[in-house]
Amino acid sequence: ALQAADATAGTHTITLTSTTYNLILGEITIGNTTQNITINGIDSASTIINMTTTNQDRILFIDPSGTQPGVVTSINNLKFTGGHLISDLYGGGAIQAGGPTNVLNLTKCVFDRNTVDPASGTLGGAISMTGGGALNINQCYFRNNKNPVSDGGAIYYFLQNDVNLTGSMVITNSIFWKDTVIAPGANVEAIGFSGPGASAGNTFS
């Protein structure tokens, strides 16, 4: 369903049932065109996206080029578990997103036991967002996500020092529990960000 929606620009809504979706084909890629995709589960206890050890990788890659503008993705009432990034260095064991004017909205989602392989970089055990755009997280639960190398056991937001890029990260009413960075000396275990600061429209709250 995601691949079919991705093939056509526009607005799409995908509704998932109360079941565990065991992924065996590796990561799912969307965001190759300007689009607005909403994915709705029933609740995060019963609608589960589980990356299996068969072709294990990141779960969802949004805007793989990092340059496609206007990609809006909203995910509600889902659990992401078992993501283990091995395919690239962009980060995010569960989700990698970001790009000019992109938006990722996460509401009432759970991210549990997502990781990044030590050979695949340092960014975000569960979520990595780079290349600009807005990351909005509300009423989500991050637990037992791990980053083996650097800061951001659960989330890493990176905004390049580029005058053409703006971005924001807003996290509200959410819980982080036992999200860890394995490397000694890393000092941001749950959330890490790097960017030009809160100027020119860039906000972190």
N, C-alpha and C. Protein backbone atom coordinates (compact mmCIF):
# COMPACT_ATOMS: atom_id res chain seq x y z
N ALA A 1 0.83 -1.21 0.00
CA ALA A 1 0.00 0.00 0.00
C ALA A 1 0.86 1.25 0.00
N LEU A 2 1.94 1.24 0.80
CA LEU A 2 2.82 2.40 0.83
C LEU A 2 3.51 2.62 -0.51
N GLN A 3 3.93 1.57 -1.14
CA GLN A 3 4.58 1.70 -2.43
C GLN A 3 3.61 2.20 -3.49
N ALA A 4 2.37 1.76 -3.43
CA ALA A 4 1.36 2.23 -4.39
C ALA A 4 1.08 3.71 -4.17
N ALA A 5 0.98 4.14 -2.91
CA ALA A 5 0.76 5.56 -2.63
C ALA A 5 1.96 6.39 -3.06
N ASP A 6 3.14 5.86 -2.87
CA ASP A 6 4.35 6.59 -3.22
C ASP A 6 4.48 6.79 -4.73
N ALA A 7 3.89 5.90 -5.50
CA ALA A 7 3.99 5.99 -6.95
C ALA A 7 3.12 7.10 -7.52
N THR A 8 2.21 7.65 -6.71
CA THR A 8 1.29 8.68 -7.18
C THR A 8 1.35 9.87 -6.25
N ALA A 9 1.69 11.03 -6.78
CA ALA A 9 1.70 12.24 -5.97
C ALA A 9 0.30 12.55 -5.48
N GLY A 10 0.20 13.26 -4.35
CA GLY A 10 -1.11 13.63 -3.84
C GLY A 10 -1.28 13.20 -2.41
N THR A 11 -2.54 13.11 -1.99
CA THR A 11 -2.88 12.80 -0.60
C THR A 11 -3.43 11.39 -0.50
N HIS A 12 -2.91 10.63 0.46
CA HIS A 12 -3.30 9.23 0.62
C HIS A 12 -3.43 8.91 2.10
N THR A 13 -4.38 8.05 2.44
CA THR A 13 -4.53 7.56 3.81
C THR A 13 -4.54 6.04 3.79
N ILE A 14 -3.71 5.45 4.63
CA ILE A 14 -3.62 4.00 4.74
C ILE A 14 -4.03 3.62 6.17
N THR A 15 -5.00 2.73 6.28
CA THR A 15 -5.49 2.30 7.59
C THR A 15 -5.10 0.85 7.82
N LEU A 16 -4.41 0.60 8.93
CA LEU A 16 -3.95 -0.74 9.26
C LEU A 16 -4.82 -1.34 10.35
N THR A 17 -4.91 -2.66 10.36
CA THR A 17 -5.73 -3.36 11.34
C THR A 17 -4.92 -3.70 12.58
N SER A 18 -5.58 -4.31 13.54
CA SER A 18 -4.91 -4.76 14.76
C SER A 18 -4.21 -6.08 14.49
N THR A 19 -2.96 -5.99 14.09
CA THR A 19 -2.17 -7.19 13.82
C THR A 19 -0.71 -6.82 13.85
N THR A 20 0.16 -7.82 13.83
CA THR A 20 1.59 -7.59 13.72
C THR A 20 2.02 -7.81 12.28
N TYR A 21 2.59 -6.78 11.66
CA TYR A 21 3.08 -6.86 10.29
C TYR A 21 4.56 -7.20 10.35
N ASN A 22 4.90 -8.45 10.03
CA ASN A 22 6.28 -8.90 10.06
C ASN A 22 6.94 -8.65 8.71
N LEU A 23 7.89 -7.73 8.68
CA LEU A 23 8.54 -7.37 7.42
C LEU A 23 9.69 -8.33 7.13
N ILE A 24 9.69 -8.88 5.94
CA ILE A 24 10.74 -9.83 5.56
C ILE A 24 11.53 -9.39 4.34
N LEU A 25 11.15 -8.24 3.73
CA LEU A 25 11.80 -7.79 2.50
C LEU A 25 12.73 -6.60 2.72
N GLY A 26 13.05 -6.28 3.97
CA GLY A 26 13.90 -5.13 4.22
C GLY A 26 13.10 -3.85 4.35
N GLU A 27 13.80 -2.71 4.29
CA GLU A 27 13.16 -1.43 4.56
C GLU A 27 12.16 -1.05 3.46
N ILE A 28 11.18 -0.23 3.86
CA ILE A 28 10.19 0.33 2.95
C ILE A 28 10.61 1.76 2.65
N THR A 29 10.61 2.13 1.36
CA THR A 29 11.03 3.45 0.93
C THR A 29 9.86 4.21 0.33
N ILE A 30 9.63 5.45 0.81
CA ILE A 30 8.61 6.33 0.24
C ILE A 30 9.18 7.74 0.19
N GLY A 31 8.42 8.65 -0.43
CA GLY A 31 8.82 10.05 -0.47
C GLY A 31 9.65 10.42 -1.68
N ASN A 32 9.41 9.73 -2.79
CA ASN A 32 10.14 10.05 -4.01
C ASN A 32 9.47 11.15 -4.83
N THR A 33 8.25 11.54 -4.43
CA THR A 33 7.53 12.64 -5.06
C THR A 33 6.89 13.49 -3.96
N THR A 34 6.46 14.70 -4.32
CA THR A 34 5.71 15.52 -3.37
C THR A 34 4.41 14.81 -3.04
N GLN A 35 4.15 14.58 -1.75
CA GLN A 35 3.00 13.78 -1.37
C GLN A 35 2.63 14.03 0.08
N ASN A 36 1.44 13.59 0.44
CA ASN A 36 0.96 13.68 1.82
C ASN A 36 0.34 12.33 2.16
N ILE A 37 1.06 11.54 2.95
CA ILE A 37 0.62 10.19 3.29
C ILE A 37 0.36 10.11 4.79
N THR A 38 -0.82 9.60 5.15
CA THR A 38 -1.17 9.36 6.54
C THR A 38 -1.33 7.86 6.75
N ILE A 39 -0.68 7.34 7.80
CA ILE A 39 -0.77 5.92 8.14
C ILE A 39 -1.41 5.83 9.52
N ASN A 40 -2.55 5.17 9.61
CA ASN A 40 -3.28 5.06 10.86
C ASN A 40 -3.33 3.61 11.33
N GLY A 41 -2.94 3.37 12.57
CA GLY A 41 -3.17 2.08 13.20
C GLY A 41 -4.36 2.17 14.13
N ILE A 42 -4.71 1.06 14.73
CA ILE A 42 -5.80 1.05 15.71
C ILE A 42 -5.30 1.62 17.04
N ASP A 43 -4.22 1.05 17.54
CA ASP A 43 -3.50 1.59 18.69
C ASP A 43 -2.12 0.94 18.71
N SER A 44 -1.20 1.55 19.44
CA SER A 44 0.19 1.09 19.39
C SER A 44 0.41 -0.25 20.10
N ALA A 45 -0.58 -0.72 20.83
CA ALA A 45 -0.46 -2.03 21.47
C ALA A 45 -0.84 -3.16 20.54
N SER A 46 -1.63 -2.85 19.51
CA SER A 46 -2.14 -3.93 18.66
C SER A 46 -1.76 -3.80 17.19
N THR A 47 -1.37 -2.62 16.73
CA THR A 47 -0.91 -2.46 15.34
C THR A 47 0.60 -2.29 15.40
N ILE A 48 1.31 -3.35 15.01
CA ILE A 48 2.75 -3.43 15.24
C ILE A 48 3.47 -3.67 13.92
N ILE A 49 4.50 -2.85 13.66
CA ILE A 49 5.38 -3.06 12.52
C ILE A 49 6.67 -3.65 13.05
N ASN A 50 6.92 -4.90 12.72
CA ASN A 50 8.05 -5.64 13.26
C ASN A 50 9.01 -6.01 12.14
N MET A 51 10.25 -5.52 12.23
CA MET A 51 11.27 -5.91 11.28
C MET A 51 11.86 -7.24 11.72
N THR A 52 11.72 -8.26 10.90
CA THR A 52 12.24 -9.59 11.24
C THR A 52 13.73 -9.66 10.94
N THR A 53 14.35 -10.73 11.36
CA THR A 53 15.78 -10.90 11.10
C THR A 53 16.06 -11.31 9.66
N THR A 54 15.02 -11.64 8.89
CA THR A 54 15.19 -11.92 7.46
C THR A 54 15.33 -10.59 6.74
N ASN A 55 16.49 -10.36 6.10
CA ASN A 55 16.76 -9.08 5.43
C ASN A 55 16.57 -7.89 6.37
N GLN A 56 16.99 -8.04 7.60
CA GLN A 56 16.78 -7.01 8.62
C GLN A 56 17.46 -5.71 8.22
N ASP A 57 16.76 -4.60 8.45
CA ASP A 57 17.29 -3.28 8.14
C ASP A 57 16.41 -2.24 8.83
N ARG A 58 16.62 -0.99 8.49
CA ARG A 58 15.71 0.07 8.92
C ARG A 58 14.30 -0.25 8.45
N ILE A 59 13.28 0.25 9.18
CA ILE A 59 11.91 -0.06 8.80
C ILE A 59 11.40 0.85 7.69
N LEU A 60 11.54 2.18 7.84
CA LEU A 60 10.93 3.12 6.90
C LEU A 60 11.93 4.22 6.54
N PHE A 61 12.14 4.41 5.24
CA PHE A 61 13.04 5.44 4.72
C PHE A 61 12.18 6.43 3.92
N ILE A 62 12.08 7.67 4.42
CA ILE A 62 11.23 8.68 3.80
C ILE A 62 12.12 9.71 3.10
N ASP A 63 11.87 9.96 1.82
CA ASP A 63 12.67 10.86 0.99
C ASP A 63 14.13 10.44 0.99
N PRO A 64 14.44 9.33 0.33
CA PRO A 64 15.81 8.81 0.37
C PRO A 64 16.85 9.75 -0.23
N SER A 65 16.44 10.63 -1.15
CA SER A 65 17.40 11.57 -1.73
C SER A 65 17.72 12.70 -0.76
N GLY A 66 16.79 12.98 0.20
CA GLY A 66 16.96 14.09 1.11
C GLY A 66 16.77 15.44 0.47
N THR A 67 16.31 15.48 -0.78
CA THR A 67 16.17 16.74 -1.51
C THR A 67 14.78 16.96 -2.08
N GLN A 68 13.89 15.98 -1.94
CA GLN A 68 12.53 16.10 -2.48
C GLN A 68 11.69 17.00 -1.56
N PRO A 69 11.23 18.13 -2.04
CA PRO A 69 10.44 19.01 -1.17
C PRO A 69 9.00 18.55 -1.01
N GLY A 70 8.37 18.99 0.06
CA GLY A 70 6.94 18.80 0.22
C GLY A 70 6.49 17.39 0.51
N VAL A 71 7.31 16.60 1.18
CA VAL A 71 6.93 15.25 1.57
C VAL A 71 6.38 15.31 3.00
N VAL A 72 5.09 15.06 3.16
CA VAL A 72 4.45 15.12 4.47
C VAL A 72 3.99 13.72 4.85
N THR A 73 4.45 13.24 5.99
CA THR A 73 4.10 11.89 6.45
C THR A 73 3.58 11.98 7.87
N SER A 74 2.39 11.44 8.10
CA SER A 74 1.79 11.43 9.43
C SER A 74 1.51 9.98 9.82
N ILE A 75 2.00 9.59 11.00
CA ILE A 75 1.86 8.21 11.46
C ILE A 75 1.22 8.24 12.85
N ASN A 76 0.12 7.49 12.99
CA ASN A 76 -0.66 7.53 14.22
C ASN A 76 -0.93 6.12 14.73
N ASN A 77 -0.74 5.91 16.03
CA ASN A 77 -1.17 4.68 16.70
C ASN A 77 -0.48 3.42 16.18
N LEU A 78 0.83 3.48 15.99
CA LEU A 78 1.60 2.32 15.55
C LEU A 78 2.76 2.07 16.50
N LYS A 79 3.19 0.82 16.53
CA LYS A 79 4.42 0.45 17.23
C LYS A 79 5.45 0.00 16.21
N PHE A 80 6.66 0.53 16.32
CA PHE A 80 7.78 0.13 15.47
C PHE A 80 8.79 -0.61 16.33
N THR A 81 9.14 -1.81 15.93
CA THR A 81 10.08 -2.58 16.73
C THR A 81 10.97 -3.44 15.83
N GLY A 82 12.17 -3.71 16.30
CA GLY A 82 13.07 -4.62 15.60
C GLY A 82 13.87 -4.01 14.48
N GLY A 83 13.71 -2.69 14.21
CA GLY A 83 14.51 -2.07 13.17
C GLY A 83 15.98 -2.09 13.54
N HIS A 84 16.84 -2.43 12.58
CA HIS A 84 18.28 -2.51 12.83
C HIS A 84 18.99 -2.06 11.56
N LEU A 85 19.39 -0.78 11.53
CA LEU A 85 19.97 -0.20 10.33
C LEU A 85 21.31 -0.83 9.98
N ILE A 86 21.42 -1.33 8.74
CA ILE A 86 22.69 -1.86 8.26
C ILE A 86 23.04 -1.36 6.86
N SER A 87 22.13 -0.67 6.17
CA SER A 87 22.29 -0.44 4.73
C SER A 87 23.01 0.85 4.37
N ASP A 88 23.07 1.85 5.26
CA ASP A 88 23.69 3.13 4.92
C ASP A 88 24.14 3.83 6.19
N LEU A 89 24.58 5.07 6.05
CA LEU A 89 25.12 5.82 7.18
C LEU A 89 24.22 6.97 7.61
N TYR A 90 22.94 6.95 7.22
CA TYR A 90 22.06 8.09 7.49
C TYR A 90 21.37 8.00 8.85
N GLY A 91 21.39 6.86 9.49
CA GLY A 91 20.82 6.72 10.81
C GLY A 91 19.36 6.34 10.81
N GLY A 92 18.84 6.13 12.04
CA GLY A 92 17.44 5.79 12.21
C GLY A 92 17.17 4.31 12.06
N GLY A 93 17.13 3.58 13.18
CA GLY A 93 16.83 2.16 13.09
C GLY A 93 15.40 1.88 12.68
N ALA A 94 14.48 2.79 13.04
CA ALA A 94 13.08 2.64 12.65
C ALA A 94 12.72 3.53 11.47
N ILE A 95 13.05 4.84 11.56
CA ILE A 95 12.67 5.79 10.52
C ILE A 95 13.81 6.76 10.25
N GLN A 96 14.10 6.96 8.97
CA GLN A 96 14.96 8.04 8.51
C GLN A 96 14.11 8.95 7.63
N ALA A 97 14.16 10.27 7.89
CA ALA A 97 13.35 11.22 7.15
C ALA A 97 14.10 12.53 7.02
N GLY A 98 13.47 13.50 6.34
CA GLY A 98 14.02 14.84 6.24
C GLY A 98 14.28 15.26 4.81
N GLY A 99 14.10 16.56 4.57
CA GLY A 99 14.31 17.17 3.27
C GLY A 99 13.63 18.53 3.27
N PRO A 100 13.86 19.34 2.27
CA PRO A 100 13.30 20.69 2.24
C PRO A 100 11.78 20.69 2.37
N THR A 101 11.26 21.41 3.33
CA THR A 101 9.83 21.55 3.60
C THR A 101 9.14 20.22 3.88
N ASN A 102 9.89 19.21 4.23
CA ASN A 102 9.30 17.93 4.62
C ASN A 102 8.73 18.02 6.03
N VAL A 103 7.73 17.19 6.33
CA VAL A 103 7.14 17.15 7.66
C VAL A 103 6.94 15.68 8.05
N LEU A 104 7.36 15.35 9.26
CA LEU A 104 7.07 14.03 9.83
C LEU A 104 6.33 14.23 11.14
N ASN A 105 5.07 13.79 11.17
CA ASN A 105 4.23 13.88 12.36
C ASN A 105 4.06 12.49 12.96
N LEU A 106 4.39 12.33 14.23
CA LEU A 106 4.24 11.05 14.91
C LEU A 106 3.36 11.26 16.14
N THR A 107 2.24 10.53 16.20
CA THR A 107 1.29 10.71 17.29
C THR A 107 0.90 9.35 17.86
N LYS A 108 1.02 9.22 19.17
CA LYS A 108 0.64 8.00 19.88
C LYS A 108 1.30 6.76 19.31
N CYS A 109 2.60 6.88 19.03
CA CYS A 109 3.37 5.76 18.51
C CYS A 109 4.36 5.28 19.58
N VAL A 110 4.74 4.01 19.46
CA VAL A 110 5.75 3.42 20.33
C VAL A 110 6.93 2.98 19.48
N PHE A 111 8.14 3.29 19.95
CA PHE A 111 9.37 2.85 19.30
C PHE A 111 10.14 2.02 20.31
N ASP A 112 10.24 0.73 20.04
CA ASP A 112 10.77 -0.21 21.02
C ASP A 112 11.85 -1.08 20.39
N ARG A 113 13.05 -1.06 20.98
CA ARG A 113 14.15 -1.95 20.57
C ARG A 113 14.52 -1.78 19.10
N ASN A 114 14.76 -0.55 18.69
CA ASN A 114 15.32 -0.25 17.38
C ASN A 114 16.77 0.17 17.56
N THR A 115 17.63 -0.21 16.62
CA THR A 115 19.06 0.00 16.79
C THR A 115 19.73 0.38 15.47
N VAL A 116 20.95 0.86 15.60
CA VAL A 116 21.82 1.13 14.46
C VAL A 116 23.05 0.26 14.59
N ASP A 117 23.42 -0.41 13.51
CA ASP A 117 24.60 -1.25 13.54
C ASP A 117 25.85 -0.38 13.69
N PRO A 118 26.86 -0.84 14.43
CA PRO A 118 28.07 -0.04 14.62
C PRO A 118 28.74 0.37 13.32
N ALA A 119 28.56 -0.40 12.26
CA ALA A 119 29.19 -0.08 10.98
C ALA A 119 28.37 0.91 10.15
N SER A 120 27.21 1.32 10.67
CA SER A 120 26.30 2.15 9.87
C SER A 120 26.10 3.55 10.45
N GLY A 121 27.13 4.09 11.07
CA GLY A 121 27.06 5.48 11.48
C GLY A 121 26.62 5.69 12.91
N THR A 122 26.25 6.93 13.20
CA THR A 122 26.11 7.35 14.59
C THR A 122 24.76 8.00 14.90
N LEU A 123 23.82 7.96 14.02
CA LEU A 123 22.65 8.83 14.13
C LEU A 123 21.39 8.08 14.55
N GLY A 124 20.83 8.43 15.71
CA GLY A 124 19.49 8.04 16.11
C GLY A 124 19.16 6.57 16.13
N GLY A 125 19.04 5.97 17.31
CA GLY A 125 18.70 4.56 17.37
C GLY A 125 17.33 4.24 16.80
N ALA A 126 16.36 5.13 17.00
CA ALA A 126 15.01 4.90 16.47
C ALA A 126 14.72 5.81 15.28
N ILE A 127 14.99 7.11 15.42
CA ILE A 127 14.65 8.08 14.37
C ILE A 127 15.84 8.97 14.07
N SER A 128 16.09 9.20 12.79
CA SER A 128 17.06 10.18 12.35
C SER A 128 16.37 11.09 11.34
N MET A 129 16.55 12.41 11.49
CA MET A 129 15.99 13.36 10.53
C MET A 129 17.08 14.33 10.13
N THR A 130 17.34 14.39 8.83
CA THR A 130 18.39 15.25 8.29
C THR A 130 17.86 15.97 7.06
N GLY A 131 18.54 17.04 6.67
CA GLY A 131 18.18 17.72 5.42
C GLY A 131 17.09 18.76 5.55
N GLY A 132 16.72 19.12 6.80
CA GLY A 132 15.67 20.11 6.98
C GLY A 132 14.31 19.49 7.17
N GLY A 133 13.33 20.34 7.48
CA GLY A 133 11.97 19.86 7.69
C GLY A 133 11.57 19.86 9.14
N ALA A 134 10.30 19.58 9.37
CA ALA A 134 9.72 19.63 10.71
C ALA A 134 9.47 18.23 11.25
N LEU A 135 9.97 17.97 12.44
CA LEU A 135 9.72 16.72 13.14
C LEU A 135 8.83 17.03 14.34
N ASN A 136 7.61 16.50 14.32
CA ASN A 136 6.64 16.76 15.38
C ASN A 136 6.26 15.44 16.04
N ILE A 137 6.53 15.33 17.33
CA ILE A 137 6.28 14.09 18.08
C ILE A 137 5.36 14.41 19.25
N ASN A 138 4.26 13.69 19.35
CA ASN A 138 3.30 13.94 20.42
C ASN A 138 2.76 12.62 20.98
N GLN A 139 2.80 12.49 22.28
CA GLN A 139 2.26 11.33 22.98
C GLN A 139 2.88 10.02 22.49
N CYS A 140 4.19 10.03 22.32
CA CYS A 140 4.90 8.83 21.87
C CYS A 140 5.75 8.28 23.01
N TYR A 141 6.11 7.01 22.88
CA TYR A 141 6.87 6.31 23.92
C TYR A 141 8.09 5.67 23.26
N PHE A 142 9.28 6.08 23.68
CA PHE A 142 10.53 5.53 23.17
C PHE A 142 11.17 4.72 24.28
N ARG A 143 11.44 3.43 24.01
CA ARG A 143 12.03 2.60 25.06
C ARG A 143 13.01 1.59 24.45
N ASN A 144 14.12 1.41 25.12
CA ASN A 144 15.11 0.38 24.75
C ASN A 144 15.66 0.54 23.34
N ASN A 145 15.69 1.77 22.83
CA ASN A 145 16.35 2.01 21.54
C ASN A 145 17.82 2.29 21.80
N LYS A 146 18.70 1.88 20.87
CA LYS A 146 20.13 1.98 21.12
C LYS A 146 20.88 2.50 19.91
N ASN A 147 21.84 3.36 20.21
CA ASN A 147 22.77 3.89 19.23
C ASN A 147 24.16 3.45 19.68
N PRO A 148 24.90 2.72 18.86
CA PRO A 148 26.14 2.14 19.35
C PRO A 148 27.33 3.08 19.41
N VAL A 149 27.23 4.24 18.78
CA VAL A 149 28.43 5.04 18.60
C VAL A 149 28.37 6.41 19.26
N SER A 150 27.30 7.19 19.02
CA SER A 150 27.33 8.58 19.45
C SER A 150 26.02 9.00 20.07
N ASP A 151 25.77 10.32 20.17
CA ASP A 151 24.61 10.84 20.88
C ASP A 151 23.30 10.51 20.15
N GLY A 152 22.23 10.43 20.94
CA GLY A 152 20.91 10.19 20.36
C GLY A 152 20.53 8.73 20.35
N GLY A 153 20.34 8.15 21.54
CA GLY A 153 19.94 6.75 21.60
C GLY A 153 18.58 6.51 20.98
N ALA A 154 17.68 7.50 21.08
CA ALA A 154 16.35 7.37 20.49
C ALA A 154 16.21 8.21 19.23
N ILE A 155 16.57 9.51 19.30
CA ILE A 155 16.32 10.45 18.20
C ILE A 155 17.57 11.27 17.94
N TYR A 156 17.84 11.50 16.66
CA TYR A 156 18.87 12.47 16.28
C TYR A 156 18.32 13.34 15.17
N TYR A 157 18.38 14.68 15.39
CA TYR A 157 17.95 15.65 14.39
C TYR A 157 19.17 16.45 13.98
N PHE A 158 19.44 16.47 12.67
CA PHE A 158 20.60 17.18 12.15
C PHE A 158 20.16 18.16 11.08
N LEU A 159 20.45 19.43 11.29
CA LEU A 159 20.15 20.46 10.30
C LEU A 159 21.46 21.08 9.83
N GLN A 160 21.73 20.89 8.55
CA GLN A 160 22.97 21.40 7.99
C GLN A 160 22.99 22.94 8.05
N ASN A 161 24.17 23.49 8.09
CA ASN A 161 24.35 24.95 8.07
C ASN A 161 24.20 25.45 6.65
N ASP A 162 22.94 25.52 6.20
CA ASP A 162 22.60 25.87 4.82
C ASP A 162 21.49 26.91 4.88
N VAL A 163 21.71 28.08 4.31
CA VAL A 163 20.72 29.16 4.39
C VAL A 163 19.42 28.80 3.67
N ASN A 164 19.46 27.79 2.83
CA ASN A 164 18.27 27.38 2.09
C ASN A 164 17.42 26.36 2.85
N LEU A 165 17.90 25.92 4.01
CA LEU A 165 17.18 24.91 4.77
C LEU A 165 16.66 25.49 6.08
N THR A 166 15.42 25.15 6.42
CA THR A 166 14.88 25.47 7.73
C THR A 166 14.35 24.18 8.35
N GLY A 167 14.23 24.20 9.66
CA GLY A 167 13.74 22.99 10.30
C GLY A 167 13.30 23.25 11.72
N SER A 168 12.60 22.27 12.28
CA SER A 168 12.17 22.37 13.66
C SER A 168 11.98 20.97 14.22
N MET A 169 12.15 20.86 15.52
CA MET A 169 11.86 19.62 16.22
C MET A 169 11.06 19.97 17.47
N VAL A 170 9.84 19.43 17.57
CA VAL A 170 8.96 19.70 18.70
C VAL A 170 8.50 18.36 19.27
N ILE A 171 8.79 18.13 20.55
CA ILE A 171 8.41 16.89 21.21
C ILE A 171 7.55 17.24 22.42
N THR A 172 6.34 16.71 22.47
CA THR A 172 5.42 17.01 23.57
C THR A 172 4.82 15.73 24.14
N ASN A 173 4.58 15.74 25.45
CA ASN A 173 3.83 14.67 26.12
C ASN A 173 4.36 13.27 25.80
N SER A 174 5.66 13.13 25.71
CA SER A 174 6.27 11.86 25.31
C SER A 174 7.21 11.35 26.40
N ILE A 175 7.48 10.04 26.37
CA ILE A 175 8.29 9.38 27.39
C ILE A 175 9.49 8.71 26.72
N PHE A 176 10.66 8.85 27.36
CA PHE A 176 11.87 8.17 26.92
C PHE A 176 12.35 7.31 28.09
N TRP A 177 12.55 6.01 27.83
CA TRP A 177 12.89 5.08 28.91
C TRP A 177 13.94 4.09 28.42
N LYS A 178 15.10 4.13 29.04
CA LYS A 178 16.19 3.21 28.74
C LYS A 178 16.62 3.26 27.27
N ASP A 179 16.58 4.46 26.68
CA ASP A 179 17.19 4.66 25.36
C ASP A 179 18.64 5.02 25.61
N THR A 180 19.55 4.29 25.02
CA THR A 180 20.95 4.39 25.44
C THR A 180 21.90 4.55 24.26
N VAL A 181 23.04 5.13 24.60
CA VAL A 181 24.19 5.19 23.70
C VAL A 181 25.25 4.27 24.29
N ILE A 182 25.73 3.36 23.50
CA ILE A 182 26.62 2.33 24.02
C ILE A 182 28.05 2.84 24.18
N ALA A 183 28.48 3.74 23.30
CA ALA A 183 29.87 4.20 23.32
C ALA A 183 30.18 4.98 24.60
N PRO A 184 31.30 4.72 25.22
CA PRO A 184 31.67 5.48 26.43
C PRO A 184 31.94 6.95 26.08
N GLY A 185 31.50 7.83 26.94
CA GLY A 185 31.76 9.25 26.74
C GLY A 185 30.65 10.00 26.05
N ALA A 186 29.72 9.31 25.41
CA ALA A 186 28.59 9.99 24.80
C ALA A 186 27.67 10.50 25.91
N ASN A 187 27.18 11.73 25.77
CA ASN A 187 26.48 12.33 26.90
C ASN A 187 25.03 12.69 26.61
N VAL A 188 24.52 12.28 25.50
CA VAL A 188 23.11 12.52 25.20
C VAL A 188 22.48 11.18 24.85
N GLU A 189 21.83 10.57 25.82
CA GLU A 189 21.37 9.20 25.61
C GLU A 189 20.03 9.11 24.89
N ALA A 190 19.12 10.06 25.10
CA ALA A 190 17.80 9.95 24.48
C ALA A 190 17.71 10.74 23.19
N ILE A 191 18.00 12.04 23.25
CA ILE A 191 17.79 12.93 22.11
C ILE A 191 19.05 13.72 21.82
N GLY A 192 19.48 13.73 20.58
CA GLY A 192 20.60 14.55 20.17
C GLY A 192 20.21 15.40 18.98
N PHE A 193 20.77 16.61 18.91
CA PHE A 193 20.57 17.41 17.71
C PHE A 193 21.79 18.27 17.44
N SER A 194 21.94 18.59 16.17
CA SER A 194 23.04 19.42 15.75
C SER A 194 22.54 20.32 14.63
N GLY A 195 22.87 21.59 14.72
CA GLY A 195 22.42 22.51 13.69
C GLY A 195 22.95 23.90 13.93
N PRO A 196 22.53 24.85 13.11
CA PRO A 196 23.03 26.21 13.21
C PRO A 196 22.42 27.01 14.35
N GLY A 197 21.51 26.41 15.12
CA GLY A 197 20.93 27.11 16.25
C GLY A 197 19.53 27.61 15.98
N ALA A 198 18.93 28.20 17.00
CA ALA A 198 17.54 28.64 16.89
C ALA A 198 17.45 30.01 16.24
N SER A 199 17.80 30.07 14.97
CA SER A 199 17.73 31.31 14.22
C SER A 199 17.22 31.01 12.82
N ALA A 200 16.81 32.03 12.12
CA ALA A 200 16.34 31.87 10.74
C ALA A 200 15.26 30.82 10.61
N GLY A 201 14.37 30.76 11.62
CA GLY A 201 13.25 29.83 11.52
C GLY A 201 13.52 28.46 12.04
N ASN A 202 14.68 28.21 12.63
CA ASN A 202 15.01 26.89 13.13
C ASN A 202 14.73 26.85 14.64
N THR A 203 13.87 25.95 15.07
CA THR A 203 13.50 25.90 16.47
C THR A 203 13.60 24.49 17.02
N PHE A 204 13.97 24.40 18.28
CA PHE A 204 14.01 23.12 18.98
C PHE A 204 13.35 23.34 20.33
N SER A 205 12.25 22.65 20.60
CA SER A 205 11.56 22.90 21.86
C SER A 205 11.08 21.59 22.47
